Amino acid sequence: MFWRQNNSLFTLPSHYKQYMTSETLQLTIEKATKADSANYTCVALSKGNETIRVIELIVGEFSKLIIDQSKIQFMGFMLLE
């Protein structure tokens, strides 16, 4: 399994942390900024099949919504045989 950012492979910046268990792939972005806004795709490959999940992250200011940007987490998935 791996992550894409805006449909391209990328090297995780130092404030991105990736954790994998037997069932999930987790991407954590600490102190997210507007530059982290992107489409993130979790890709799982299993026996020639590709399964994807896309998450759109928009970091910005919202007039009626307050988001704690100190830690944002994405959960991916793992295919079980």
N, C-alpha and C. Protein backbone atom coordinates (compact mmCIF):
# COMPACT_ATOMS: atom_id res chain seq x y z
N MET A 1 0.84 -1.18 0.00
CA MET A 1 0.00 0.00 0.00
C MET A 1 0.88 1.24 0.00
N PHE A 2 0.33 2.30 -0.59
CA PHE A 2 1.07 3.55 -0.63
C PHE A 2 0.11 4.71 -0.83
N TRP A 3 0.64 5.92 -0.66
CA TRP A 3 -0.14 7.14 -0.83
C TRP A 3 0.32 7.89 -2.07
N ARG A 4 -0.64 8.55 -2.72
CA ARG A 4 -0.35 9.51 -3.79
C ARG A 4 -0.90 10.87 -3.34
N GLN A 5 -0.25 11.92 -3.83
CA GLN A 5 -0.74 13.28 -3.59
C GLN A 5 -1.00 13.90 -4.95
N ASN A 6 -2.25 14.34 -5.17
CA ASN A 6 -2.67 14.87 -6.48
C ASN A 6 -2.29 13.91 -7.61
N ASN A 7 -2.54 12.63 -7.35
CA ASN A 7 -2.36 11.54 -8.31
C ASN A 7 -0.89 11.27 -8.68
N SER A 8 0.05 11.75 -7.88
CA SER A 8 1.48 11.49 -8.13
C SER A 8 2.11 10.90 -6.87
N LEU A 9 3.07 10.01 -7.07
CA LEU A 9 3.84 9.52 -5.94
C LEU A 9 4.60 10.70 -5.35
N PHE A 10 4.80 10.71 -4.06
CA PHE A 10 5.51 11.82 -3.43
C PHE A 10 6.28 11.34 -2.22
N THR A 11 7.31 12.10 -1.87
CA THR A 11 8.08 11.83 -0.67
C THR A 11 7.41 12.55 0.49
N LEU A 12 7.20 11.84 1.58
CA LEU A 12 6.51 12.43 2.72
C LEU A 12 7.39 13.51 3.36
N PRO A 13 6.87 14.74 3.46
CA PRO A 13 7.60 15.79 4.18
C PRO A 13 7.75 15.40 5.66
N SER A 14 8.61 16.08 6.36
CA SER A 14 8.91 15.72 7.76
C SER A 14 7.70 15.83 8.69
N HIS A 15 6.71 16.68 8.36
CA HIS A 15 5.54 16.80 9.24
C HIS A 15 4.42 15.82 8.87
N TYR A 16 4.69 14.91 7.92
CA TYR A 16 3.77 13.82 7.59
C TYR A 16 4.31 12.56 8.25
N LYS A 17 3.44 11.80 8.87
CA LYS A 17 3.83 10.53 9.49
C LYS A 17 2.92 9.44 8.93
N GLN A 18 3.52 8.30 8.62
CA GLN A 18 2.76 7.18 8.06
C GLN A 18 2.89 5.99 9.01
N TYR A 19 1.76 5.36 9.31
CA TYR A 19 1.71 4.20 10.18
C TYR A 19 0.93 3.10 9.48
N MET A 20 1.43 1.88 9.57
CA MET A 20 0.75 0.76 8.93
C MET A 20 0.54 -0.35 9.96
N THR A 21 -0.67 -0.91 9.95
CA THR A 21 -0.96 -2.10 10.74
C THR A 21 -1.33 -3.20 9.75
N SER A 22 -1.75 -4.33 10.25
CA SER A 22 -2.14 -5.42 9.36
C SER A 22 -3.43 -5.12 8.62
N GLU A 23 -4.18 -4.09 9.04
CA GLU A 23 -5.46 -3.79 8.41
C GLU A 23 -5.58 -2.39 7.84
N THR A 24 -4.72 -1.46 8.22
CA THR A 24 -4.88 -0.08 7.77
C THR A 24 -3.54 0.58 7.44
N LEU A 25 -3.62 1.65 6.67
CA LEU A 25 -2.50 2.54 6.42
C LEU A 25 -2.97 3.92 6.85
N GLN A 26 -2.26 4.55 7.76
CA GLN A 26 -2.67 5.84 8.31
C GLN A 26 -1.65 6.90 7.93
N LEU A 27 -2.14 8.04 7.49
CA LEU A 27 -1.29 9.19 7.20
C LEU A 27 -1.71 10.32 8.12
N THR A 28 -0.76 10.84 8.88
CA THR A 28 -1.02 11.94 9.80
C THR A 28 -0.23 13.16 9.34
N ILE A 29 -0.90 14.31 9.26
CA ILE A 29 -0.25 15.57 8.90
C ILE A 29 -0.32 16.46 10.13
N GLU A 30 0.82 16.76 10.70
CA GLU A 30 0.87 17.61 11.89
C GLU A 30 1.07 19.06 11.47
N LYS A 31 0.34 19.96 12.12
CA LYS A 31 0.41 21.40 11.84
C LYS A 31 0.20 21.67 10.34
N ALA A 32 -0.91 21.19 9.83
CA ALA A 32 -1.24 21.34 8.40
C ALA A 32 -1.34 22.80 8.02
N THR A 33 -0.87 23.11 6.82
CA THR A 33 -0.95 24.46 6.27
C THR A 33 -1.70 24.39 4.93
N LYS A 34 -1.97 25.55 4.35
CA LYS A 34 -2.65 25.58 3.05
C LYS A 34 -1.87 24.81 2.00
N ALA A 35 -0.55 24.77 2.11
CA ALA A 35 0.28 24.04 1.15
C ALA A 35 0.02 22.54 1.17
N ASP A 36 -0.58 22.02 2.27
CA ASP A 36 -0.90 20.60 2.37
C ASP A 36 -2.24 20.27 1.70
N SER A 37 -2.98 21.26 1.28
CA SER A 37 -4.25 21.03 0.59
C SER A 37 -3.99 20.25 -0.69
N ALA A 38 -4.70 19.13 -0.85
CA ALA A 38 -4.48 18.27 -2.02
C ALA A 38 -5.48 17.13 -1.98
N ASN A 39 -5.49 16.34 -3.05
CA ASN A 39 -6.20 15.07 -3.06
C ASN A 39 -5.18 14.00 -2.67
N TYR A 40 -5.50 13.23 -1.63
CA TYR A 40 -4.63 12.14 -1.16
C TYR A 40 -5.32 10.83 -1.51
N THR A 41 -4.57 9.93 -2.13
CA THR A 41 -5.11 8.66 -2.57
C THR A 41 -4.35 7.53 -1.89
N CYS A 42 -5.09 6.66 -1.21
CA CYS A 42 -4.51 5.45 -0.64
C CYS A 42 -4.71 4.34 -1.66
N VAL A 43 -3.63 3.68 -2.05
CA VAL A 43 -3.69 2.63 -3.07
C VAL A 43 -3.29 1.30 -2.44
N ALA A 44 -4.15 0.30 -2.59
CA ALA A 44 -3.86 -1.05 -2.11
C ALA A 44 -3.83 -1.99 -3.31
N LEU A 45 -2.77 -2.78 -3.39
CA LEU A 45 -2.63 -3.76 -4.47
C LEU A 45 -2.71 -5.15 -3.87
N SER A 46 -3.48 -6.03 -4.52
CA SER A 46 -3.62 -7.40 -4.04
C SER A 46 -3.94 -8.31 -5.22
N LYS A 47 -3.04 -9.22 -5.50
CA LYS A 47 -3.24 -10.21 -6.58
C LYS A 47 -3.70 -9.56 -7.88
N GLY A 48 -3.02 -8.50 -8.27
CA GLY A 48 -3.33 -7.84 -9.54
C GLY A 48 -4.48 -6.87 -9.50
N ASN A 49 -5.18 -6.79 -8.38
CA ASN A 49 -6.28 -5.83 -8.25
C ASN A 49 -5.79 -4.58 -7.54
N GLU A 50 -6.32 -3.44 -7.97
CA GLU A 50 -5.98 -2.16 -7.34
C GLU A 50 -7.25 -1.57 -6.76
N THR A 51 -7.20 -1.22 -5.49
CA THR A 51 -8.32 -0.57 -4.82
C THR A 51 -7.82 0.77 -4.30
N ILE A 52 -8.61 1.83 -4.53
CA ILE A 52 -8.17 3.16 -4.10
C ILE A 52 -9.25 3.84 -3.28
N ARG A 53 -8.81 4.75 -2.42
CA ARG A 53 -9.69 5.65 -1.68
C ARG A 53 -9.07 7.03 -1.79
N VAL A 54 -9.88 8.01 -2.17
CA VAL A 54 -9.39 9.38 -2.36
C VAL A 54 -9.99 10.27 -1.28
N ILE A 55 -9.14 11.10 -0.68
CA ILE A 55 -9.55 12.05 0.33
C ILE A 55 -9.12 13.43 -0.14
N GLU A 56 -10.04 14.38 -0.18
CA GLU A 56 -9.67 15.75 -0.53
C GLU A 56 -9.47 16.54 0.75
N LEU A 57 -8.28 17.11 0.91
CA LEU A 57 -7.98 17.92 2.07
C LEU A 57 -7.89 19.38 1.64
N ILE A 58 -8.71 20.21 2.28
CA ILE A 58 -8.67 21.65 2.04
C ILE A 58 -8.34 22.30 3.37
N VAL A 59 -7.20 22.95 3.42
CA VAL A 59 -6.78 23.65 4.64
C VAL A 59 -6.93 25.15 4.37
N GLY A 60 -7.69 25.80 5.22
CA GLY A 60 -7.91 27.23 5.03
C GLY A 60 -8.71 27.79 6.18
N GLU A 61 -9.16 28.99 6.01
CA GLU A 61 -9.95 29.66 7.03
C GLU A 61 -11.42 29.54 6.67
N PHE A 62 -12.22 29.20 7.65
CA PHE A 62 -13.66 29.07 7.46
C PHE A 62 -14.36 30.01 8.43
N SER A 63 -15.35 30.72 7.96
CA SER A 63 -16.00 31.72 8.80
C SER A 63 -16.86 31.10 9.90
N LYS A 64 -17.45 29.92 9.66
CA LYS A 64 -18.35 29.34 10.65
C LYS A 64 -17.86 27.98 11.15
N LEU A 65 -16.70 27.55 10.75
CA LEU A 65 -16.21 26.22 11.12
C LEU A 65 -14.80 26.35 11.65
N ILE A 66 -14.57 25.84 12.85
CA ILE A 66 -13.24 25.88 13.43
C ILE A 66 -12.69 24.46 13.43
N ILE A 67 -11.53 24.28 12.82
CA ILE A 67 -10.90 22.98 12.72
C ILE A 67 -9.56 23.03 13.43
N ASP A 68 -9.29 22.05 14.27
CA ASP A 68 -7.99 21.96 14.91
C ASP A 68 -7.00 21.44 13.87
N GLN A 69 -6.15 22.32 13.35
CA GLN A 69 -5.21 21.95 12.30
C GLN A 69 -3.90 21.42 12.86
N SER A 70 -3.81 21.22 14.18
CA SER A 70 -2.56 20.75 14.76
C SER A 70 -2.30 19.29 14.40
N LYS A 71 -3.35 18.54 14.09
CA LYS A 71 -3.15 17.15 13.74
C LYS A 71 -4.32 16.66 12.89
N ILE A 72 -4.05 16.30 11.66
CA ILE A 72 -5.07 15.78 10.76
C ILE A 72 -4.67 14.37 10.39
N GLN A 73 -5.61 13.42 10.48
CA GLN A 73 -5.30 12.03 10.18
C GLN A 73 -6.17 11.49 9.07
N PHE A 74 -5.57 10.68 8.21
CA PHE A 74 -6.29 9.95 7.17
C PHE A 74 -6.12 8.47 7.45
N MET A 75 -7.17 7.73 7.27
CA MET A 75 -7.08 6.29 7.43
C MET A 75 -7.24 5.65 6.05
N GLY A 76 -6.32 4.81 5.70
CA GLY A 76 -6.42 4.04 4.48
C GLY A 76 -7.00 2.69 4.83
N PHE A 77 -6.61 1.68 4.12
CA PHE A 77 -7.18 0.36 4.33
C PHE A 77 -6.19 -0.68 3.83
N MET A 78 -6.43 -1.92 4.21
CA MET A 78 -5.63 -3.01 3.70
C MET A 78 -6.59 -4.14 3.31
N LEU A 79 -6.33 -4.76 2.18
CA LEU A 79 -7.15 -5.87 1.75
C LEU A 79 -6.70 -7.12 2.46
N LEU A 80 -7.64 -7.87 3.00
CA LEU A 80 -7.34 -9.12 3.68
C LEU A 80 -7.67 -10.28 2.75
N GLU A 81 -6.79 -11.22 2.69
CA GLU A 81 -7.02 -12.40 1.82
C GLU A 81 -7.84 -13.43 2.56
